[in-house]
């Protein structure tokens, strides 16, 4: 397995706080059957700034440390930039990192409670740079949950999305779990990743999520998400089915 979203680099955001934390996370990842992890530290989220050059350097250092500790896990560089108006300009300046530094796929994090008005235009501008934007954990965004047609428009226009494993298994609550499952059903999800921050409250839980997906949606969806992580790392085009709008279901006259 490849995990495309984690906060395993030490002491640079709200993930691993030390090399010891990173080591513990790496060992837990190996136990889960993960052989490679893209490190995606927060960037420009109002609290943390981690530029591409810094991430590349720290990824190299962590790989050497894990090799010395004889942990069979490969760390790949990435970044989780919060959406901001100068994102394209900063990408051109070399401060914004693509996933696995491949120049193809770019994470975009939205604020948790709303979708900025310029989001549609920025997603278009990202694609104009020959990049594919991937919205991380959209299932945890309040406005997208309330207006899933907005997410459908983004995906229809070429944006991809990444669900968090813990959302799928219900660890963020039933409403987020329900929206995650609706996204899978409507072909609005393209990746599953851990967004792991530690080994206690925010661990990997990928196997747990894939068990839920297999039971509810079938093994083909599991294979799709596993394959897409591999294809992303290899710099290839990922699989995507034709997206559908999420149907709001009425129950006793209430949505």
Protein backbone atom coordinates (compact mmCIF):
# COMPACT_ATOMS: atom_id res chain seq x y z
CA UNK A 1 0.00 0.00 0.00
CA UNK A 2 0.95 3.61 -0.57
CA UNK A 3 -0.36 6.36 1.70
CA UNK A 4 -0.48 9.67 -0.16
CA UNK A 5 -1.28 11.97 2.80
CA UNK A 6 0.49 12.05 6.16
CA UNK A 7 2.18 14.32 8.66
CA UNK A 8 5.16 12.11 9.43
CA UNK A 9 7.96 14.68 9.02
CA UNK A 10 9.07 15.68 12.53
CA UNK A 11 8.63 19.02 14.29
CA UNK A 12 7.27 21.12 11.42
CA UNK A 13 3.48 21.06 11.93
CA UNK A 14 0.83 19.41 14.13
CA UNK A 15 1.95 15.91 13.14
CA UNK A 16 5.03 14.09 14.46
CA UNK A 17 6.73 16.29 17.04
CA UNK A 18 10.10 14.48 17.09
CA UNK A 19 12.15 11.89 15.25
CA UNK A 20 10.94 9.38 17.82
CA UNK A 21 7.33 10.19 16.86
CA UNK A 22 8.21 9.79 13.17
CA UNK A 23 9.83 6.44 13.93
CA UNK A 24 6.77 5.24 15.83
CA UNK A 25 4.53 6.30 12.94
CA UNK A 26 6.79 4.58 10.43
CA UNK A 27 6.73 1.31 12.38
CA UNK A 28 2.94 1.50 12.66
CA UNK A 29 2.67 2.13 8.91
CA UNK A 30 4.76 -0.95 8.14
CA UNK A 31 2.53 -3.01 10.45
CA UNK A 32 -0.47 -1.79 8.40
CA UNK A 33 1.16 -2.99 5.20
CA UNK A 34 2.20 0.45 3.96
CA UNK A 35 5.49 0.49 2.04
CA UNK A 36 5.62 4.16 0.99
CA UNK A 37 4.20 7.38 2.44
CA UNK A 38 3.98 10.82 0.91
CA UNK A 39 4.83 13.35 3.62
CA UNK A 40 2.44 16.27 3.22
CA UNK A 41 3.11 18.92 5.87
CA UNK A 42 0.72 21.85 6.18
CA UNK A 43 1.57 25.00 4.24
CA UNK A 44 0.04 28.48 4.43
CA UNK A 45 -2.79 27.38 6.71
CA UNK A 46 -2.41 30.38 9.01
CA UNK A 47 -0.08 28.55 11.38
CA UNK A 48 2.53 26.63 9.41
CA UNK A 49 4.66 27.40 6.37
CA UNK A 50 6.71 24.60 4.86
CA UNK A 51 8.21 25.39 1.49
CA UNK A 52 9.19 22.85 -1.14
CA UNK A 53 12.96 23.11 -0.56
CA UNK A 54 12.56 22.55 3.18
CA UNK A 55 10.28 19.54 2.62
CA UNK A 56 12.69 17.93 0.14
CA UNK A 57 15.56 18.30 2.59
CA UNK A 58 13.60 16.97 5.58
CA UNK A 59 12.25 14.04 3.56
CA UNK A 60 15.79 13.02 2.65
CA UNK A 61 16.86 13.27 6.29
CA UNK A 62 13.94 11.15 7.50
CA UNK A 63 14.63 8.49 4.88
CA UNK A 64 18.23 8.23 6.06
CA UNK A 65 17.09 8.00 9.68
CA UNK A 66 14.60 5.20 8.89
CA UNK A 67 17.28 3.37 6.92
CA UNK A 68 19.62 3.60 9.91
CA UNK A 69 16.81 2.26 12.11
CA UNK A 70 16.21 -0.56 9.60
CA UNK A 71 12.59 0.40 8.98
CA UNK A 72 11.52 -0.68 5.50
CA UNK A 73 9.46 2.37 4.58
CA UNK A 74 10.04 4.96 1.86
CA UNK A 75 9.11 8.59 2.53
CA UNK A 76 8.21 10.65 -0.53
CA UNK A 77 7.93 14.45 -0.62
CA UNK A 78 4.64 16.30 -0.82
CA UNK A 79 2.78 19.20 0.73
CA UNK A 80 -0.70 20.16 1.93
CA UNK A 81 -1.17 23.80 0.95
CA UNK A 82 -4.25 25.59 2.22
CA UNK A 83 -6.02 27.35 -0.63
CA UNK A 84 -4.76 30.92 -1.02
CA UNK A 85 -4.90 33.53 -3.75
CA UNK A 86 -1.19 33.48 -4.63
CA UNK A 87 -0.92 29.68 -4.82
CA UNK A 88 -0.12 29.65 -8.54
CA UNK A 89 2.42 32.44 -8.19
CA UNK A 90 4.13 30.61 -5.32
CA UNK A 91 4.10 27.37 -7.32
CA UNK A 92 5.90 29.15 -10.15
CA UNK A 93 8.43 30.48 -7.63
CA UNK A 94 9.13 26.92 -6.51
CA UNK A 95 7.63 27.20 -3.03
CA UNK A 96 4.60 24.94 -3.55
CA UNK A 97 5.33 21.22 -3.91
CA UNK A 98 3.50 18.66 -5.99
CA UNK A 99 3.00 15.11 -4.74
CA UNK A 100 6.18 13.03 -4.97
CA UNK A 101 7.68 16.16 -6.57
CA UNK A 102 6.32 14.83 -9.85
CA UNK A 103 4.93 18.07 -11.26
CA UNK A 104 1.52 16.49 -11.91
CA UNK A 105 -0.69 16.27 -8.82
CA UNK A 106 -1.21 19.04 -6.28
CA UNK A 107 -3.04 18.87 -2.96
CA UNK A 108 -5.46 21.69 -2.13
CA UNK A 109 -6.87 22.05 1.37
CA UNK A 110 -10.06 24.04 1.88
CA UNK A 111 -11.00 25.73 5.16
CA UNK A 112 -13.06 23.37 7.29
CA UNK A 113 -16.26 25.41 7.32
CA UNK A 114 -16.58 27.03 3.89
CA UNK A 115 -15.45 27.13 0.27
CA UNK A 116 -13.82 30.43 -0.75
CA UNK A 117 -15.51 32.19 -3.67
CA UNK A 118 -12.40 32.03 -5.84
CA UNK A 119 -12.05 28.24 -5.47
CA UNK A 120 -13.56 27.36 -8.86
CA UNK A 121 -11.29 29.83 -10.66
CA UNK A 122 -8.19 28.69 -8.78
CA UNK A 123 -8.88 25.03 -9.55
CA UNK A 124 -9.16 26.02 -13.21
CA UNK A 125 -5.91 28.00 -12.99
CA UNK A 126 -4.13 25.02 -11.42
CA UNK A 127 -5.22 22.86 -14.33
CA UNK A 128 -4.02 25.55 -16.73
CA UNK A 129 -0.55 24.91 -15.25
CA UNK A 130 -0.92 21.27 -16.42
CA UNK A 131 -1.45 20.16 -12.83
CA UNK A 132 -4.30 18.09 -11.44
CA UNK A 133 -5.68 19.51 -8.19
CA UNK A 134 -6.72 17.06 -5.48
CA UNK A 135 -9.02 18.42 -2.78
CA UNK A 136 -8.08 16.77 0.51
CA UNK A 137 -10.74 15.54 2.94
CA UNK A 138 -13.71 17.34 1.29
CA UNK A 139 -16.01 15.16 3.39
CA UNK A 140 -15.01 17.23 6.41
CA UNK A 141 -15.92 20.58 4.78
CA UNK A 142 -19.19 22.01 6.14
CA UNK A 143 -20.23 23.85 2.97
CA UNK A 144 -19.57 20.88 0.70
CA UNK A 145 -21.65 18.64 2.97
CA UNK A 146 -24.49 21.16 2.80
CA UNK A 147 -24.08 21.77 -0.94
CA UNK A 148 -22.65 18.61 -2.54
CA UNK A 149 -23.52 19.92 -6.01
CA UNK A 150 -20.54 22.27 -5.60
CA UNK A 151 -18.24 19.28 -5.16
CA UNK A 152 -19.83 17.58 -8.15
CA UNK A 153 -19.05 20.64 -10.32
CA UNK A 154 -15.42 20.66 -9.19
CA UNK A 155 -14.99 16.95 -10.00
CA UNK A 156 -16.87 17.20 -13.30
CA UNK A 157 -14.46 19.96 -14.30
CA UNK A 158 -11.35 17.85 -13.62
CA UNK A 159 -10.56 18.15 -9.92
CA UNK A 160 -9.89 14.96 -7.95
CA UNK A 161 -10.60 14.28 -4.28
CA UNK A 162 -9.03 12.33 -1.41
CA UNK A 163 -11.08 10.84 1.41
CA UNK A 164 -9.64 10.28 4.87
CA UNK A 165 -9.62 6.65 6.03
CA UNK A 166 -10.98 7.54 9.47
CA UNK A 167 -13.92 9.38 7.88
CA UNK A 168 -14.94 6.25 5.99
CA UNK A 169 -14.89 4.08 9.11
CA UNK A 170 -16.86 6.60 11.17
CA UNK A 171 -14.16 7.94 13.46
CA UNK A 172 -15.11 11.56 12.66
CA UNK A 173 -18.80 10.92 13.31
CA UNK A 174 -21.79 9.55 11.45
CA UNK A 175 -22.49 12.63 9.30
CA UNK A 176 -18.97 12.72 7.88
CA UNK A 177 -19.06 8.95 7.40
CA UNK A 178 -22.36 9.21 5.53
CA UNK A 179 -21.04 11.94 3.22
CA UNK A 180 -17.89 9.91 2.57
CA UNK A 181 -19.98 6.93 1.52
CA UNK A 182 -22.17 9.14 -0.68
CA UNK A 183 -19.05 10.44 -2.39
CA UNK A 184 -17.84 6.90 -3.10
CA UNK A 185 -21.25 5.91 -4.43
CA UNK A 186 -21.38 8.95 -6.74
CA UNK A 187 -17.82 8.47 -8.09
CA UNK A 188 -16.73 11.71 -6.42
CA UNK A 189 -13.77 10.13 -4.58
CA UNK A 190 -10.49 9.09 -6.20
CA UNK A 191 -8.09 8.36 -3.34
CA UNK A 192 -8.19 7.10 0.23
CA UNK A 193 -5.36 8.21 2.53
CA UNK A 194 -4.66 8.34 6.24
CA UNK A 195 -3.93 12.01 6.99
CA UNK A 196 -2.07 10.42 9.91
CA UNK A 197 -0.64 12.80 12.52
CA UNK A 198 0.41 10.32 15.23
CA UNK A 199 -0.15 6.74 16.42
CA UNK A 200 -2.77 7.58 19.05
CA UNK A 201 -5.62 9.90 18.11
CA UNK A 202 -4.85 10.26 14.37
CA UNK A 203 -3.28 7.03 13.15
CA UNK A 204 -3.37 5.40 9.71
CA UNK A 205 -6.52 3.22 9.79
CA UNK A 206 -6.27 2.39 6.09
CA UNK A 207 -7.05 -1.30 6.49
CA UNK A 208 -10.06 -0.43 8.60
CA UNK A 209 -11.35 1.89 5.87
CA UNK A 210 -10.75 -0.61 3.09
CA UNK A 211 -12.66 -3.27 5.05
CA UNK A 212 -15.65 -0.92 5.19
CA UNK A 213 -15.36 -0.09 1.49
CA UNK A 214 -15.15 -3.75 0.49
CA UNK A 215 -18.19 -4.72 2.56
CA UNK A 216 -20.34 -1.78 1.43
CA UNK A 217 -19.18 -1.15 -2.16
CA UNK A 218 -17.19 -4.20 -3.26
CA UNK A 219 -13.56 -5.11 -3.91
CA UNK A 220 -13.44 -3.15 -7.18
CA UNK A 221 -13.53 0.15 -5.27
CA UNK A 222 -10.73 -1.03 -3.00
CA UNK A 223 -8.63 -1.94 -6.03
CA UNK A 224 -9.36 1.42 -7.67
CA UNK A 225 -8.14 3.43 -4.68
CA UNK A 226 -5.08 1.24 -4.15
CA UNK A 227 -4.20 1.44 -7.84
CA UNK A 228 -4.70 5.22 -7.96
CA UNK A 229 -2.18 5.77 -5.17
CA UNK A 230 0.35 3.73 -7.13
CA UNK A 231 -0.40 5.57 -10.38
CA UNK A 232 -0.06 8.96 -8.67
CA UNK A 233 3.37 8.10 -7.31
CA UNK A 234 4.43 6.78 -10.72
CA UNK A 235 3.30 10.02 -12.38
CA UNK A 236 0.61 8.31 -14.44
CA UNK A 237 -3.03 9.11 -15.13
CA UNK A 238 -5.32 7.81 -12.39
CA UNK A 239 -8.62 6.01 -12.87
CA UNK A 240 -11.84 7.96 -12.52
CA UNK A 241 -15.42 7.00 -13.22
CA UNK A 242 -18.06 9.43 -14.50
CA UNK A 243 -19.14 11.51 -11.48
CA UNK A 244 -22.77 11.84 -10.48
CA UNK A 245 -24.53 14.41 -8.29
CA UNK A 246 -25.22 13.23 -4.75
CA UNK A 247 -28.94 12.71 -4.39
CA UNK A 248 -30.46 14.21 -1.29
CA UNK A 249 -32.90 11.76 0.24
CA UNK A 250 -36.05 12.94 1.96
CA UNK A 251 -37.06 11.14 5.13
CA UNK A 252 -40.36 12.05 6.79
CA UNK A 253 -40.32 15.37 4.97
CA UNK A 254 -36.84 16.30 6.19
CA UNK A 255 -33.64 16.22 4.13
